[in-house]
Amino acid sequence: MGSHGDCCKVNRRKFLGASTAVASLAAFATAGSVTEARAQLTQERRDAMTPDKVISRMLAGNERFVAGERKPRDFLVEQEATASGQFPAAVALSCIDSRAPIEVICDLGIGDTFNARVAGNISNDDILGSMEFACAVAGAKLVVVMGHTACGAVRGAIDNVELGYLTGLLAQIRPAIGETDFDGDKTGSNPAYVDAVARTNVLLTVKKIREESSILRELEEKGEIKIVGSMYDLKTGQITMLN
């Protein structure tokens, strides 16, 4: 039987060995995280992407989000990596709903996308100008309008809610009500109807962007960008492309 001192030496060696292994694994995991985080879009990488590739990238990120397999990220490292410049691949127009942040649900990082958010994901002159900057100046390849299920702004438009400046905002959603073909209860208390109007609202917004911005329309006609609509399902976490 070994002495107490020998046992201590053996235990110490085991402890040090185990500690070294844990430290190595931690370093490997950290390195992987940093490597992933440092894979920010460069101008060369972004410019090599087609609009369809940008769509595929966002949908792949959404699949990871739904599966609970989001990439490990160090947002501080991403912030530092993009401090000297940005090369987003897309500009998104989405609702202000707190449950639908497109960067999170598409597993995107800092610098990956421009993002405009307004209740009911409606377009206006300021947003169009921002989109024109994003695509014509900064080089984004995709304009994506994202609506979502159970949209409170759409429900408010259906129910003719009036409240300060919100009244004028909801008025811009109401054309979608008349354009929605739906059999059933056409009230804000019917979730299926609210979602149907929300989808129509997205498509009308996409149409409005094309009609009102000659810059974006011409870029799309040249194949340099795409303007698309989508819907996010709050219950499933999935994004569906509408066109």
Protein backbone atom coordinates (compact mmCIF):
# COMPACT_ATOMS: atom_id res chain seq x y z
CA MET A 1 0.00 0.00 0.00
CA GLY A 2 1.41 3.42 -0.93
CA SER A 3 2.04 6.16 1.56
CA HIS A 4 -0.32 9.10 2.13
CA GLY A 5 2.20 11.29 0.27
CA ASP A 6 2.11 9.00 -2.76
CA CYS A 7 -1.68 9.17 -2.86
CA CYS A 8 -1.53 12.94 -2.75
CA LYS A 9 0.91 12.97 -5.67
CA VAL A 10 -1.34 10.70 -7.73
CA ASN A 11 -4.45 12.73 -6.90
CA ARG A 12 -2.62 15.95 -7.68
CA ARG A 13 -1.54 14.60 -11.04
CA LYS A 14 -5.13 13.53 -11.81
CA PHE A 15 -6.47 16.88 -10.74
CA LEU A 16 -3.94 18.80 -12.83
CA GLY A 17 -4.59 16.54 -15.80
CA ALA A 18 -8.33 16.99 -15.52
CA SER A 19 -7.94 20.75 -15.10
CA THR A 20 -5.76 20.94 -18.20
CA ALA A 21 -8.33 18.96 -20.20
CA VAL A 22 -11.17 21.21 -19.05
CA ALA A 23 -9.12 24.31 -19.86
CA SER A 24 -8.32 22.93 -23.32
CA LEU A 25 -11.97 22.19 -24.02
CA ALA A 26 -12.97 25.65 -22.82
CA ALA A 27 -10.31 27.24 -25.00
CA PHE A 28 -11.47 25.19 -27.99
CA ALA A 29 -15.10 26.16 -27.40
CA THR A 30 -14.17 29.81 -26.99
CA ALA A 31 -12.03 29.73 -30.13
CA GLY A 32 -14.92 28.20 -32.06
CA SER A 33 -17.26 30.85 -30.78
CA VAL A 34 -14.87 33.66 -31.66
CA THR A 35 -14.21 32.16 -35.08
CA GLU A 36 -17.95 32.00 -35.72
CA ALA A 37 -18.45 35.51 -34.43
CA ARG A 38 -15.61 36.89 -36.52
CA ALA A 39 -17.18 35.51 -39.69
CA GLN A 40 -18.85 38.85 -40.33
CA LEU A 41 -19.84 39.82 -43.83
CA THR A 42 -17.05 41.50 -45.75
CA GLN A 43 -17.72 43.49 -48.89
CA GLU A 44 -16.21 40.71 -50.98
CA ARG A 45 -18.38 38.01 -49.38
CA ARG A 46 -21.53 40.11 -49.56
CA ASP A 47 -20.99 41.21 -53.16
CA ALA A 48 -20.47 37.59 -54.24
CA MET A 49 -23.95 36.68 -52.95
CA THR A 50 -27.02 36.69 -55.19
CA PRO A 51 -30.38 37.88 -53.82
CA ASP A 52 -31.55 34.25 -53.76
CA LYS A 53 -28.47 33.28 -51.77
CA VAL A 54 -29.30 35.96 -49.21
CA ILE A 55 -32.83 34.55 -48.90
CA SER A 56 -31.45 31.03 -48.46
CA ARG A 57 -29.04 32.28 -45.80
CA MET A 58 -31.84 33.91 -43.82
CA LEU A 59 -34.13 30.88 -44.09
CA ALA A 60 -31.32 28.57 -43.03
CA GLY A 61 -30.82 30.77 -39.98
CA ASN A 62 -34.53 30.56 -39.23
CA GLU A 63 -34.35 26.76 -39.44
CA ARG A 64 -31.55 26.80 -36.86
CA PHE A 65 -33.62 29.11 -34.65
CA VAL A 66 -36.65 26.79 -34.79
CA ALA A 67 -34.46 23.76 -34.07
CA GLY A 68 -32.78 25.47 -31.12
CA GLU A 69 -29.40 25.26 -32.86
CA ARG A 70 -28.41 28.91 -33.22
CA LYS A 71 -24.74 29.61 -33.87
CA PRO A 72 -22.61 30.56 -30.86
CA ARG A 73 -21.98 34.30 -30.95
CA ASP A 74 -19.88 36.84 -29.13
CA PHE A 75 -21.67 40.12 -29.82
CA LEU A 76 -18.80 42.16 -28.42
CA VAL A 77 -16.44 40.54 -30.93
CA GLU A 78 -19.00 41.18 -33.70
CA GLN A 79 -19.27 44.81 -32.64
CA GLU A 80 -15.50 45.19 -32.80
CA ALA A 81 -15.31 43.39 -36.16
CA THR A 82 -17.85 45.77 -37.73
CA ALA A 83 -16.74 49.02 -36.09
CA SER A 84 -14.74 50.12 -39.14
CA GLY A 85 -17.39 49.29 -41.75
CA GLN A 86 -20.62 47.45 -42.55
CA PHE A 87 -21.69 45.31 -45.50
CA PRO A 88 -25.24 44.08 -44.77
CA ALA A 89 -26.75 41.70 -47.31
CA ALA A 90 -30.37 42.70 -46.72
CA VAL A 91 -32.70 45.42 -45.52
CA ALA A 92 -35.74 44.21 -43.61
CA LEU A 93 -39.00 46.04 -42.99
CA SER A 94 -40.79 44.38 -40.08
CA CYS A 95 -43.29 45.13 -37.36
CA ILE A 96 -42.31 46.61 -33.98
CA ASP A 97 -43.78 43.54 -32.25
CA SER A 98 -41.34 42.56 -29.49
CA ARG A 99 -41.64 38.88 -30.41
CA ALA A 100 -40.41 39.24 -33.98
CA PRO A 101 -36.82 40.57 -34.06
CA ILE A 102 -35.59 39.39 -37.45
CA GLU A 103 -31.91 39.25 -36.42
CA VAL A 104 -32.77 36.74 -33.70
CA ILE A 105 -35.28 34.58 -35.57
CA CYS A 106 -32.98 34.38 -38.63
CA ASP A 107 -29.87 33.78 -36.50
CA LEU A 108 -28.10 36.85 -37.85
CA GLY A 109 -25.27 38.81 -36.29
CA ILE A 110 -24.30 42.43 -35.95
CA GLY A 111 -23.73 43.94 -39.38
CA ASP A 112 -25.73 41.30 -41.31
CA THR A 113 -28.87 43.29 -42.07
CA PHE A 114 -30.37 46.76 -42.05
CA ASN A 115 -33.62 46.76 -40.11
CA ALA A 116 -36.58 49.16 -40.23
CA ARG A 117 -39.40 48.48 -37.79
CA VAL A 118 -42.83 50.12 -37.62
CA ALA A 119 -46.23 48.88 -36.42
CA GLY A 120 -47.86 46.89 -39.20
CA ASN A 121 -44.66 46.85 -41.29
CA ILE A 122 -45.95 49.66 -43.52
CA SER A 123 -43.83 51.66 -45.93
CA ASN A 124 -43.51 55.44 -46.06
CA ASP A 125 -41.20 58.02 -47.63
CA ASP A 126 -38.59 57.80 -44.89
CA ILE A 127 -38.47 54.02 -45.00
CA LEU A 128 -38.23 54.05 -48.80
CA GLY A 129 -35.33 56.47 -48.56
CA SER A 130 -33.65 54.21 -46.03
CA MET A 131 -34.13 51.21 -48.33
CA GLU A 132 -32.70 53.12 -51.26
CA PHE A 133 -29.64 53.94 -49.18
CA ALA A 134 -29.30 50.32 -48.07
CA CYS A 135 -29.40 48.95 -51.62
CA ALA A 136 -28.20 51.67 -54.00
CA VAL A 137 -25.49 53.08 -51.73
CA ALA A 138 -24.53 50.39 -49.23
CA GLY A 139 -24.98 47.40 -51.56
CA ALA A 140 -27.64 45.25 -49.88
CA LYS A 141 -29.02 42.55 -52.17
CA LEU A 142 -32.44 41.96 -50.67
CA VAL A 143 -35.45 43.97 -49.50
CA VAL A 144 -37.66 41.77 -47.32
CA VAL A 145 -40.98 42.84 -45.83
CA MET A 146 -41.91 40.61 -42.89
CA GLY A 147 -45.37 40.53 -41.37
CA HIS A 148 -46.39 38.20 -38.57
CA THR A 149 -49.35 36.32 -37.17
CA ALA A 150 -51.58 37.87 -34.49
CA CYS A 151 -50.51 41.38 -35.52
CA GLY A 152 -52.03 43.95 -33.18
CA ALA A 153 -51.72 46.75 -35.73
CA VAL A 154 -53.64 44.75 -38.32
CA ARG A 155 -56.27 43.87 -35.74
CA GLY A 156 -56.56 47.56 -34.83
CA ALA A 157 -57.05 48.49 -38.48
CA ILE A 158 -59.79 45.89 -38.83
CA ASP A 159 -61.55 47.17 -35.70
CA ASN A 160 -61.20 50.85 -36.71
CA VAL A 161 -59.18 51.80 -33.65
CA GLU A 162 -58.56 55.54 -33.30
CA LEU A 163 -55.81 56.87 -31.05
CA GLY A 164 -53.67 59.93 -31.78
CA TYR A 165 -51.05 59.34 -34.44
CA LEU A 166 -51.90 55.64 -34.47
CA THR A 167 -55.11 56.51 -36.34
CA GLY A 168 -53.18 57.65 -39.39
CA LEU A 169 -50.84 54.67 -39.26
CA LEU A 170 -53.70 52.16 -39.17
CA ALA A 171 -55.33 53.93 -42.11
CA GLN A 172 -52.37 52.79 -44.21
CA ILE A 173 -53.14 49.16 -43.38
CA ARG A 174 -56.86 49.34 -44.20
CA PRO A 175 -56.47 48.89 -47.98
CA ALA A 176 -55.41 45.32 -47.18
CA ILE A 177 -58.82 44.67 -45.62
CA GLY A 178 -60.67 45.33 -48.86
CA GLU A 179 -58.13 43.31 -50.86
CA THR A 180 -58.40 40.19 -48.68
CA ASP A 181 -60.62 37.39 -49.96
CA PHE A 182 -61.89 35.60 -46.87
CA ASP A 183 -64.90 33.44 -45.99
CA GLY A 184 -65.86 33.70 -42.35
CA ASP A 185 -66.02 36.18 -39.53
CA LYS A 186 -64.30 39.35 -40.70
CA THR A 187 -63.51 40.90 -37.33
CA GLY A 188 -60.39 41.47 -35.27
CA SER A 189 -61.51 38.72 -32.91
CA ASN A 190 -61.00 36.09 -35.64
CA PRO A 191 -57.27 35.14 -35.67
CA ALA A 192 -57.51 33.53 -39.11
CA TYR A 193 -58.93 36.71 -40.60
CA VAL A 194 -56.32 38.89 -38.90
CA ASP A 195 -53.56 36.69 -40.32
CA ALA A 196 -55.12 36.74 -43.80
CA VAL A 197 -55.23 40.55 -43.79
CA ALA A 198 -51.65 40.64 -42.46
CA ARG A 199 -50.48 38.56 -45.45
CA THR A 200 -52.31 40.85 -47.86
CA ASN A 201 -50.78 43.85 -46.13
CA VAL A 202 -47.30 42.44 -46.72
CA LEU A 203 -47.98 41.89 -50.42
CA LEU A 204 -49.43 45.39 -50.82
CA THR A 205 -46.37 46.85 -49.09
CA VAL A 206 -44.07 44.98 -51.48
CA LYS A 207 -46.14 46.32 -54.39
CA LYS A 208 -45.99 49.85 -52.99
CA ILE A 209 -42.20 49.71 -52.66
CA ARG A 210 -41.87 48.73 -56.32
CA GLU A 211 -44.32 51.36 -57.49
CA GLU A 212 -43.05 54.29 -55.44
CA SER A 213 -39.28 53.76 -55.60
CA SER A 214 -37.97 53.86 -59.15
CA ILE A 215 -34.47 53.26 -57.76
CA LEU A 216 -35.39 49.97 -56.09
CA ARG A 217 -37.60 48.91 -58.99
CA GLU A 218 -34.80 49.42 -61.50
CA LEU A 219 -32.30 47.57 -59.30
CA GLU A 220 -34.70 44.64 -59.15
CA GLU A 221 -35.32 44.73 -62.90
CA LYS A 222 -31.54 44.50 -63.41
CA GLY A 223 -31.39 41.48 -61.10
CA GLU A 224 -29.19 43.27 -58.59
CA ILE A 225 -31.74 43.00 -55.78
CA LYS A 226 -35.00 41.24 -54.97
CA ILE A 227 -38.01 42.69 -53.16
CA VAL A 228 -39.92 39.96 -51.35
CA GLY A 229 -42.58 39.45 -48.71
CA SER A 230 -42.71 36.99 -45.84
CA MET A 231 -44.75 36.02 -42.79
CA TYR A 232 -43.47 34.99 -39.36
CA ASP A 233 -45.54 32.58 -37.28
CA LEU A 234 -45.38 33.53 -33.61
CA LYS A 235 -46.41 30.03 -32.52
CA THR A 236 -44.02 27.93 -34.60
CA GLY A 237 -41.17 30.40 -35.04
CA GLN A 238 -41.10 29.73 -38.77
CA ILE A 239 -40.82 32.22 -41.59
CA THR A 240 -42.70 31.59 -44.85
CA MET A 241 -41.88 33.43 -48.07
CA LEU A 242 -44.94 34.87 -49.82
CA ASN A 243 -43.46 35.65 -53.24
